[in-house]
Amino acid sequence: DDTIHQAIKHMLLLAKKRLIFTILSDKNIG
């Protein structure tokens, strides 16, 4: 909840060629 953007940034720094990930954007999911 408080670190998702930091997590995306850190994974970008770890990736040399490609990063693949999923996010949930549905506020009604719970």
Full PDB file with SEQRES, HELIX, SHEET, SSBOND, CRYST1, ORIGX, SCALE, CONECT and MASTER records, all heavy atoms in Angstrom:
SEQRES   1 A   30  ASP ASP THR ILE HIS GLN ALA ILE LYS HIS MET LEU LEU          
SEQRES   2 A   30  LEU ALA LYS LYS ARG LEU ILE PHE THR ILE LEU SER ASP          
SEQRES   3 A   30  LYS ASN ILE GLY                                              
HELIX    1 AA1 ILE A    4  LEU A   14  1                                  11    
CRYST1    1.000    1.000    1.000  90.00  90.00  90.00 P 1           1          
ORIGX1      1.000000  0.000000  0.000000        0.00000                         
ORIGX2      0.000000  1.000000  0.000000        0.00000                         
ORIGX3      0.000000  0.000000  1.000000        0.00000                         
SCALE1      1.000000  0.000000  0.000000        0.00000                         
SCALE2      0.000000  1.000000  0.000000        0.00000                         
SCALE3      0.000000  0.000000  1.000000        0.00000                         
ATOM      1  N   ASP A   1       0.803  -1.219   0.000  1.00  0.00           N  
ATOM      2  CA  ASP A   1       0.000   0.000   0.000  1.00  0.00           C  
ATOM      3  C   ASP A   1       0.840   1.275   0.000  1.00  0.00           C  
ATOM      4  O   ASP A   1       0.529   2.232  -0.704  1.00  0.00           O  
ATOM      5  CB  ASP A   1      -0.951   0.006   1.199  1.00  0.00           C  
ATOM      6  CG  ASP A   1      -1.953  -1.141   1.133  1.00  0.00           C  
ATOM      7  OD1 ASP A   1      -2.310  -1.527   0.018  1.00  0.00           O  
ATOM      8  OD2 ASP A   1      -2.343  -1.643   2.188  1.00  0.00           O  
ATOM      9  N   ASP A   2       1.894   1.302   0.809  1.00  0.00           N  
ATOM     10  CA  ASP A   2       2.711   2.516   0.919  1.00  0.00           C  
ATOM     11  C   ASP A   2       3.992   2.455   0.101  1.00  0.00           C  
ATOM     12  O   ASP A   2       4.746   3.426   0.056  1.00  0.00           O  
ATOM     13  CB  ASP A   2       3.064   2.768   2.394  1.00  0.00           C  
ATOM     14  CG  ASP A   2       1.818   2.986   3.247  1.00  0.00           C  
ATOM     15  OD1 ASP A   2       0.891   3.663   2.756  1.00  0.00           O  
ATOM     16  OD2 ASP A   2       1.773   2.466   4.373  1.00  0.00           O  
ATOM     17  N   THR A   3       4.269   1.315  -0.532  1.00  0.00           N  
ATOM     18  CA  THR A   3       5.576   1.136  -1.178  1.00  0.00           C  
ATOM     19  C   THR A   3       5.493   0.674  -2.630  1.00  0.00           C  
ATOM     20  O   THR A   3       6.517   0.335  -3.211  1.00  0.00           O  
ATOM     21  CB  THR A   3       6.421   0.116  -0.392  1.00  0.00           C  
ATOM     22  OG1 THR A   3       5.704  -1.131  -0.308  1.00  0.00           O  
ATOM     23  CG2 THR A   3       6.750   0.608   1.004  1.00  0.00           C  
ATOM     24  N   ILE A   4       4.321   0.678  -3.229  1.00  0.00           N  
ATOM     25  CA  ILE A   4       4.211   0.102  -4.571  1.00  0.00           C  
ATOM     26  C   ILE A   4       5.048   0.873  -5.590  1.00  0.00           C  
ATOM     27  O   ILE A   4       5.692   0.274  -6.463  1.00  0.00           O  
ATOM     28  CB  ILE A   4       2.735  -0.014  -5.014  1.00  0.00           C  
ATOM     29  CG1 ILE A   4       2.664  -0.789  -6.362  1.00  0.00           C  
ATOM     30  CG2 ILE A   4       2.049   1.348  -5.114  1.00  0.00           C  
ATOM     31  CD1 ILE A   4       1.288  -1.266  -6.721  1.00  0.00           C  
ATOM     32  N   HIS A   5       5.101   2.188  -5.479  1.00  0.00           N  
ATOM     33  CA  HIS A   5       5.883   2.953  -6.452  1.00  0.00           C  
ATOM     34  C   HIS A   5       7.384   2.781  -6.216  1.00  0.00           C  
ATOM     35  O   HIS A   5       8.164   2.723  -7.178  1.00  0.00           O  
ATOM     36  CB  HIS A   5       5.471   4.419  -6.418  1.00  0.00           C  
ATOM     37  CG  HIS A   5       4.074   4.633  -6.906  1.00  0.00           C  
ATOM     38  ND1 HIS A   5       3.722   4.546  -8.239  1.00  0.00           N  
ATOM     39  CD2 HIS A   5       2.927   4.884  -6.232  1.00  0.00           C  
ATOM     40  CE1 HIS A   5       2.427   4.747  -8.363  1.00  0.00           C  
ATOM     41  NE2 HIS A   5       1.921   4.949  -7.164  1.00  0.00           N  
ATOM     42  N   GLN A   6       7.783   2.640  -4.961  1.00  0.00           N  
ATOM     43  CA  GLN A   6       9.180   2.328  -4.667  1.00  0.00           C  
ATOM     44  C   GLN A   6       9.536   0.947  -5.207  1.00  0.00           C  
ATOM     45  O   GLN A   6      10.655   0.727  -5.705  1.00  0.00           O  
ATOM     46  CB  GLN A   6       9.450   2.376  -3.165  1.00  0.00           C  
ATOM     47  CG  GLN A   6       9.343   3.766  -2.546  1.00  0.00           C  
ATOM     48  CD  GLN A   6       7.977   4.024  -1.932  1.00  0.00           C  
ATOM     49  OE1 GLN A   6       6.947   3.764  -2.562  1.00  0.00           O  
ATOM     50  NE2 GLN A   6       7.962   4.534  -0.719  1.00  0.00           N  
ATOM     51  N   ALA A   7       8.591   0.000  -5.126  1.00  0.00           N  
ATOM     52  CA  ALA A   7       8.834  -1.349  -5.640  1.00  0.00           C  
ATOM     53  C   ALA A   7       9.012  -1.329  -7.158  1.00  0.00           C  
ATOM     54  O   ALA A   7       9.910  -1.994  -7.694  1.00  0.00           O  
ATOM     55  CB  ALA A   7       7.678  -2.270  -5.252  1.00  0.00           C  
ATOM     56  N   ILE A   8       8.176  -0.578  -7.846  1.00  0.00           N  
ATOM     57  CA  ILE A   8       8.309  -0.464  -9.303  1.00  0.00           C  
ATOM     58  C   ILE A   8       9.664   0.137  -9.658  1.00  0.00           C  
ATOM     59  O   ILE A   8      10.369  -0.356 -10.558  1.00  0.00           O  
ATOM     60  CB  ILE A   8       7.163   0.388  -9.885  1.00  0.00           C  
ATOM     61  CG1 ILE A   8       5.821  -0.329  -9.717  1.00  0.00           C  
ATOM     62  CG2 ILE A   8       7.417   0.691 -11.369  1.00  0.00           C  
ATOM     63  CD1 ILE A   8       4.608   0.527 -10.048  1.00  0.00           C  
ATOM     64  N   LYS A   9      10.060   1.189  -8.963  1.00  0.00           N  
ATOM     65  CA  LYS A   9      11.346   1.825  -9.229  1.00  0.00           C  
ATOM     66  C   LYS A   9      12.506   0.868  -8.979  1.00  0.00           C  
ATOM     67  O   LYS A   9      13.465   0.805  -9.763  1.00  0.00           O  
ATOM     68  CB  LYS A   9      11.505   3.075  -8.353  1.00  0.00           C  
ATOM     69  CG  LYS A   9      10.602   4.229  -8.732  1.00  0.00           C  
ATOM     70  CD  LYS A   9      10.784   5.407  -7.770  1.00  0.00           C  
ATOM     71  CE  LYS A   9       9.881   6.564  -8.138  1.00  0.00           C  
ATOM     72  NZ  LYS A   9      10.032   7.710  -7.196  1.00  0.00           N  
ATOM     73  N   HIS A  10      12.433   0.107  -7.894  1.00  0.00           N  
ATOM     74  CA  HIS A  10      13.528  -0.819  -7.573  1.00  0.00           C  
ATOM     75  C   HIS A  10      13.617  -1.930  -8.621  1.00  0.00           C  
ATOM     76  O   HIS A  10      14.725  -2.305  -9.035  1.00  0.00           O  
ATOM     77  CB  HIS A  10      13.331  -1.419  -6.175  1.00  0.00           C  
ATOM     78  CG  HIS A  10      14.542  -2.119  -5.659  1.00  0.00           C  
ATOM     79  ND1 HIS A  10      15.687  -1.448  -5.306  1.00  0.00           N  
ATOM     80  CD2 HIS A  10      14.799  -3.442  -5.465  1.00  0.00           C  
ATOM     81  CE1 HIS A  10      16.605  -2.328  -4.899  1.00  0.00           C  
ATOM     82  NE2 HIS A  10      16.081  -3.542  -4.984  1.00  0.00           N  
ATOM     83  N   MET A  11      12.480  -2.441  -9.058  1.00  0.00           N  
ATOM     84  CA  MET A  11      12.504  -3.479 -10.090  1.00  0.00           C  
ATOM     85  C   MET A  11      13.068  -2.944 -11.404  1.00  0.00           C  
ATOM     86  O   MET A  11      13.769  -3.658 -12.131  1.00  0.00           O  
ATOM     87  CB  MET A  11      11.103  -4.063 -10.292  1.00  0.00           C  
ATOM     88  CG  MET A  11      10.609  -4.876  -9.115  1.00  0.00           C  
ATOM     89  SD  MET A  11       9.103  -5.842  -9.456  1.00  0.00           S  
ATOM     90  CE  MET A  11       7.934  -4.552  -9.869  1.00  0.00           C  
ATOM     91  N   LEU A  12      12.777  -1.683 -11.715  1.00  0.00           N  
ATOM     92  CA  LEU A  12      13.342  -1.060 -12.916  1.00  0.00           C  
ATOM     93  C   LEU A  12      14.859  -1.013 -12.846  1.00  0.00           C  
ATOM     94  O   LEU A  12      15.547  -1.221 -13.854  1.00  0.00           O  
ATOM     95  CB  LEU A  12      12.787   0.355 -13.090  1.00  0.00           C  
ATOM     96  CG  LEU A  12      11.397   0.478 -13.701  1.00  0.00           C  
ATOM     97  CD1 LEU A  12      10.873   1.893 -13.521  1.00  0.00           C  
ATOM     98  CD2 LEU A  12      11.413   0.104 -15.181  1.00  0.00           C  
ATOM     99  N   LEU A  13      15.399  -0.748 -11.669  1.00  0.00           N  
ATOM    100  CA  LEU A  13      16.844  -0.698 -11.506  1.00  0.00           C  
ATOM    101  C   LEU A  13      17.473  -2.093 -11.594  1.00  0.00           C  
ATOM    102  O   LEU A  13      18.646  -2.227 -11.970  1.00  0.00           O  
ATOM    103  CB  LEU A  13      17.196  -0.043 -10.167  1.00  0.00           C  
ATOM    104  CG  LEU A  13      16.772   1.427 -10.031  1.00  0.00           C  
ATOM    105  CD1 LEU A  13      17.084   1.940  -8.631  1.00  0.00           C  
ATOM    106  CD2 LEU A  13      17.456   2.302 -11.078  1.00  0.00           C  
ATOM    107  N   LEU A  14      16.707  -3.122 -11.251  1.00  0.00           N  
ATOM    108  CA  LEU A  14      17.217  -4.498 -11.319  1.00  0.00           C  
ATOM    109  C   LEU A  14      17.162  -5.072 -12.736  1.00  0.00           C  
ATOM    110  O   LEU A  14      17.891  -6.016 -13.047  1.00  0.00           O  
ATOM    111  CB  LEU A  14      16.414  -5.406 -10.384  1.00  0.00           C  
ATOM    112  CG  LEU A  14      16.479  -5.111  -8.880  1.00  0.00           C  
ATOM    113  CD1 LEU A  14      15.589  -6.091  -8.126  1.00  0.00           C  
ATOM    114  CD2 LEU A  14      17.919  -5.188  -8.374  1.00  0.00           C  
ATOM    115  N   ALA A  15      16.306  -4.522 -13.580  1.00  0.00           N  
ATOM    116  CA  ALA A  15      16.092  -5.070 -14.926  1.00  0.00           C  
ATOM    117  C   ALA A  15      17.066  -4.457 -15.931  1.00  0.00           C  
ATOM    118  O   ALA A  15      17.131  -3.243 -16.076  1.00  0.00           O  
ATOM    119  CB  ALA A  15      14.656  -4.820 -15.366  1.00  0.00           C  
ATOM    120  N   LYS A  16      17.789  -5.310 -16.650  1.00  0.00           N  
ATOM    121  CA  LYS A  16      18.690  -4.829 -17.697  1.00  0.00           C  
ATOM    122  C   LYS A  16      17.940  -4.575 -19.002  1.00  0.00           C  
ATOM    123  O   LYS A  16      18.201  -3.600 -19.702  1.00  0.00           O  
ATOM    124  CB  LYS A  16      19.795  -5.848 -17.961  1.00  0.00           C  
ATOM    125  CG  LYS A  16      20.741  -6.077 -16.802  1.00  0.00           C  
ATOM    126  CD  LYS A  16      21.763  -7.139 -17.191  1.00  0.00           C  
ATOM    127  CE  LYS A  16      22.707  -7.457 -16.054  1.00  0.00           C  
ATOM    128  NZ  LYS A  16      23.681  -8.518 -16.440  1.00  0.00           N  
ATOM    129  N   LYS A  17      17.019  -5.476 -19.342  1.00  0.00           N  
ATOM    130  CA  LYS A  17      16.366  -5.399 -20.646  1.00  0.00           C  
ATOM    131  C   LYS A  17      14.846  -5.279 -20.586  1.00  0.00           C  
ATOM    132  O   LYS A  17      14.243  -4.581 -21.395  1.00  0.00           O  
ATOM    133  CB  LYS A  17      16.742  -6.625 -21.490  1.00  0.00           C  
ATOM    134  CG  LYS A  17      18.228  -6.736 -21.784  1.00  0.00           C  
ATOM    135  CD  LYS A  17      18.529  -7.981 -22.607  1.00  0.00           C  
ATOM    136  CE  LYS A  17      20.023  -8.090 -22.911  1.00  0.00           C  
ATOM    137  NZ  LYS A  17      20.330  -9.314 -23.695  1.00  0.00           N  
ATOM    138  N   ARG A  18      14.215  -5.970 -19.624  1.00  0.00           N  
ATOM    139  CA  ARG A  18      12.750  -5.993 -19.627  1.00  0.00           C  
ATOM    140  C   ARG A  18      12.206  -6.171 -18.215  1.00  0.00           C  
ATOM    141  O   ARG A  18      12.738  -6.946 -17.415  1.00  0.00           O  
ATOM    142  CB  ARG A  18      12.242  -7.118 -20.537  1.00  0.00           C  
ATOM    143  CG  ARG A  18      10.729  -7.273 -20.596  1.00  0.00           C  
ATOM    144  CD  ARG A  18      10.315  -8.258 -21.688  1.00  0.00           C  
ATOM    145  NE  ARG A  18      10.532  -7.677 -23.013  1.00  0.00           N  
ATOM    146  CZ  ARG A  18      10.231  -8.298 -24.150  1.00  0.00           C  
ATOM    147  NH1 ARG A  18       9.715  -9.517 -24.137  1.00  0.00           N  
ATOM    148  NH2 ARG A  18      10.453  -7.705 -25.307  1.00  0.00           N  
ATOM    149  N   LEU A  19      11.129  -5.449 -17.915  1.00  0.00           N  
ATOM    150  CA  LEU A  19      10.382  -5.611 -16.668  1.00  0.00           C  
ATOM    151  C   LEU A  19       8.933  -5.907 -17.020  1.00  0.00           C  
ATOM    152  O   LEU A  19       8.339  -5.215 -17.851  1.00  0.00           O  
ATOM    153  CB  LEU A  19      10.464  -4.337 -15.820  1.00  0.00           C  
ATOM    154  CG  LEU A  19       9.513  -4.245 -14.610  1.00  0.00           C  
ATOM    155  CD1 LEU A  19       9.834  -5.328 -13.593  1.00  0.00           C  
ATOM    156  CD2 LEU A  19       9.586  -2.860 -13.969  1.00  0.00           C  
ATOM    157  N   ILE A  20       8.363  -6.921 -16.375  1.00  0.00           N  
ATOM    158  CA  ILE A  20       6.958  -7.295 -16.597  1.00  0.00           C  
ATOM    159  C   ILE A  20       6.299  -7.442 -15.230  1.00  0.00           C  
ATOM    160  O   ILE A  20       6.792  -8.175 -14.367  1.00  0.00           O  
ATOM    161  CB  ILE A  20       6.824  -8.623 -17.370  1.00  0.00           C  
ATOM    162  CG1 ILE A  20       7.767  -8.683 -18.570  1.00  0.00           C  
ATOM    163  CG2 ILE A  20       5.384  -8.839 -17.824  1.00  0.00           C  
ATOM    164  CD1 ILE A  20       7.892 -10.065 -19.189  1.00  0.00           C  
ATOM    165  N   PHE A  21       5.189  -6.752 -15.032  1.00  0.00           N  
ATOM    166  CA  PHE A  21       4.497  -6.857 -13.747  1.00  0.00           C  
ATOM    167  C   PHE A  21       3.019  -6.528 -13.938  1.00  0.00           C  
ATOM    168  O   PHE A  21       2.615  -6.011 -14.982  1.00  0.00           O  
ATOM    169  CB  PHE A  21       5.127  -5.937 -12.690  1.00  0.00           C  
ATOM    170  CG  PHE A  21       5.016  -4.468 -12.981  1.00  0.00           C  
ATOM    171  CD1 PHE A  21       4.039  -3.696 -12.369  1.00  0.00           C  
ATOM    172  CD2 PHE A  21       5.899  -3.846 -13.855  1.00  0.00           C  
ATOM    173  CE1 PHE A  21       3.940  -2.330 -12.616  1.00  0.00           C  
ATOM    174  CE2 PHE A  21       5.815  -2.473 -14.107  1.00  0.00           C  
ATOM    175  CZ  PHE A  21       4.827  -1.724 -13.492  1.00  0.00           C  
ATOM    176  N   THR A  22       2.228  -6.842 -12.933  1.00  0.00           N  
ATOM    177  CA  THR A  22       0.799  -6.531 -12.968  1.00  0.00           C  
ATOM    178  C   THR A  22       0.442  -5.608 -11.812  1.00  0.00           C  
ATOM    179  O   THR A  22       1.070  -5.623 -10.753  1.00  0.00           O  
ATOM    180  CB  THR A  22      -0.066  -7.803 -12.872  1.00  0.00           C  
ATOM    181  OG1 THR A  22       0.335  -8.570 -11.730  1.00  0.00           O  
ATOM    182  CG2 THR A  22       0.036  -8.628 -14.133  1.00  0.00           C  
ATOM    183  N   ILE A  23      -0.603  -4.809 -12.042  1.00  0.00           N  
ATOM    184  CA  ILE A  23      -1.163  -3.957 -10.997  1.00  0.00           C  
ATOM    185  C   ILE A  23      -2.680  -4.112 -10.996  1.00  0.00           C  
ATOM    186  O   ILE A  23      -3.283  -4.423 -12.024  1.00  0.00           O  
ATOM    187  CB  ILE A  23      -0.808  -2.469 -11.191  1.00  0.00           C  
ATOM    188  CG1 ILE A  23      -1.275  -1.974 -12.572  1.00  0.00           C  
ATOM    189  CG2 ILE A  23       0.679  -2.226 -10.984  1.00  0.00           C  
ATOM    190  CD1 ILE A  23      -1.217  -0.470 -12.754  1.00  0.00           C  
ATOM    191  N   LEU A  24      -3.270  -3.879  -9.847  1.00  0.00           N  
ATOM    192  CA  LEU A  24      -4.720  -3.807  -9.728  1.00  0.00           C  
ATOM    193  C   LEU A  24      -5.135  -2.346  -9.711  1.00  0.00           C  
ATOM    194  O   LEU A  24      -4.585  -1.553  -8.945  1.00  0.00           O  
ATOM    195  CB  LEU A  24      -5.192  -4.487  -8.446  1.00  0.00           C  
ATOM    196  CG  LEU A  24      -5.093  -6.013  -8.391  1.00  0.00           C  
ATOM    197  CD1 LEU A  24      -5.472  -6.500  -7.000  1.00  0.00           C  
ATOM    198  CD2 LEU A  24      -5.979  -6.665  -9.448  1.00  0.00           C  
ATOM    199  N   SER A  25      -6.100  -1.982 -10.557  1.00  0.00           N  
ATOM    200  CA  SER A  25      -6.567  -0.592 -10.618  1.00  0.00           C  
ATOM    201  C   SER A  25      -8.056  -0.472 -10.296  1.00  0.00           C  
ATOM    202  O   SER A  25      -8.652   0.572 -10.513  1.00  0.00           O  
ATOM    203  CB  SER A  25      -6.294  -0.007 -12.015  1.00  0.00           C  
ATOM    204  OG  SER A  25      -4.916   0.022 -12.278  1.00  0.00           O  
ATOM    205  N   ASP A  26      -8.632  -1.539  -9.789  1.00  0.00           N  
ATOM    206  CA  ASP A  26     -10.071  -1.585  -9.530  1.00  0.00           C  
ATOM    207  C   ASP A  26     -10.348  -1.320  -8.058  1.00  0.00           C  
ATOM    208  O   ASP A  26     -10.133  -2.186  -7.208  1.00  0.00           O  
ATOM    209  CB  ASP A  26     -10.613  -2.951  -9.946  1.00  0.00           C  
ATOM    210  CG  ASP A  26     -12.128  -2.998  -9.976  1.00  0.00           C  
ATOM    211  OD1 ASP A  26     -12.761  -2.134  -9.341  1.00  0.00           O  
ATOM    212  OD2 ASP A  26     -12.675  -3.881 -10.646  1.00  0.00           O  
ATOM    213  N   LYS A  27     -10.820  -0.121  -7.742  1.00  0.00           N  
ATOM    214  CA  LYS A  27     -11.073   0.242  -6.351  1.00  0.00           C  
ATOM    215  C   LYS A  27     -12.257  -0.511  -5.757  1.00  0.00           C  
ATOM    216  O   LYS A  27     -12.446  -0.524  -4.540  1.00  0.00           O  
ATOM    217  CB  LYS A  27     -11.314   1.749  -6.243  1.00  0.00           C  
ATOM    218  CG  LYS A  27     -10.076   2.574  -6.547  1.00  0.00           C  
ATOM    219  CD  LYS A  27     -10.352   4.058  -6.388  1.00  0.00           C  
ATOM    220  CE  LYS A  27      -9.094   4.871  -6.659  1.00  0.00           C  
ATOM    221  NZ  LYS A  27      -9.321   6.324  -6.541  1.00  0.00           N  
ATOM    222  N   ASN A  28     -13.053  -1.141  -6.609  1.00  0.00           N  
ATOM    223  CA  ASN A  28     -14.223  -1.877  -6.128  1.00  0.00           C  
ATOM    224  C   ASN A  28     -13.910  -3.338  -5.797  1.00  0.00           C  
ATOM    225  O   ASN A  28     -14.792  -4.074  -5.372  1.00  0.00           O  
ATOM    226  CB  ASN A  28     -15.334  -1.831  -7.181  1.00  0.00           C  
ATOM    227  CG  ASN A  28     -15.829  -0.419  -7.426  1.00  0.00           C  
ATOM    228  OD1 ASN A  28     -16.026   0.349  -6.482  1.00  0.00           O  
ATOM    229  ND2 ASN A  28     -16.021  -0.062  -8.690  1.00  0.00           N  
ATOM    230  N   ILE A  29     -12.661  -3.752  -5.994  1.00  0.00           N  
ATOM    231  CA  ILE A  29     -12.328  -5.162  -5.796  1.00  0.00           C  
ATOM    232  C   ILE A  29     -12.302  -5.541  -4.313  1.00  0.00           C  
ATOM    233  O   ILE A  29     -12.433  -6.686  -3.945  1.00  0.00           O  
ATOM    234  CB  ILE A  29     -10.972  -5.500  -6.471  1.00  0.00           C  
ATOM    235  CG1 ILE A  29     -10.813  -7.014  -6.596  1.00  0.00           C  
ATOM    236  CG2 ILE A  29      -9.808  -4.878  -5.729  1.00  0.00           C  
ATOM    237  CD1 ILE A  29      -9.638  -7.425  -7.444  1.00  0.00           C  
ATOM    238  N   GLY A  30     -12.126  -4.559  -3.452  1.00  0.00           N  
ATOM    239  CA  GLY A  30     -12.111  -4.845  -2.021  1.00  0.00           C  
ATOM    240  C   GLY A  30     -10.951  -4.151  -1.341  1.00  0.00           C  
ATOM    241  O   GLY A  30      -9.949  -3.819  -1.972  1.00  0.00           O  
TER     242      GLY A  30                                                      
MASTER        0    0    0    1    0    0    0    6  241    1    0    3          
END                                                                             
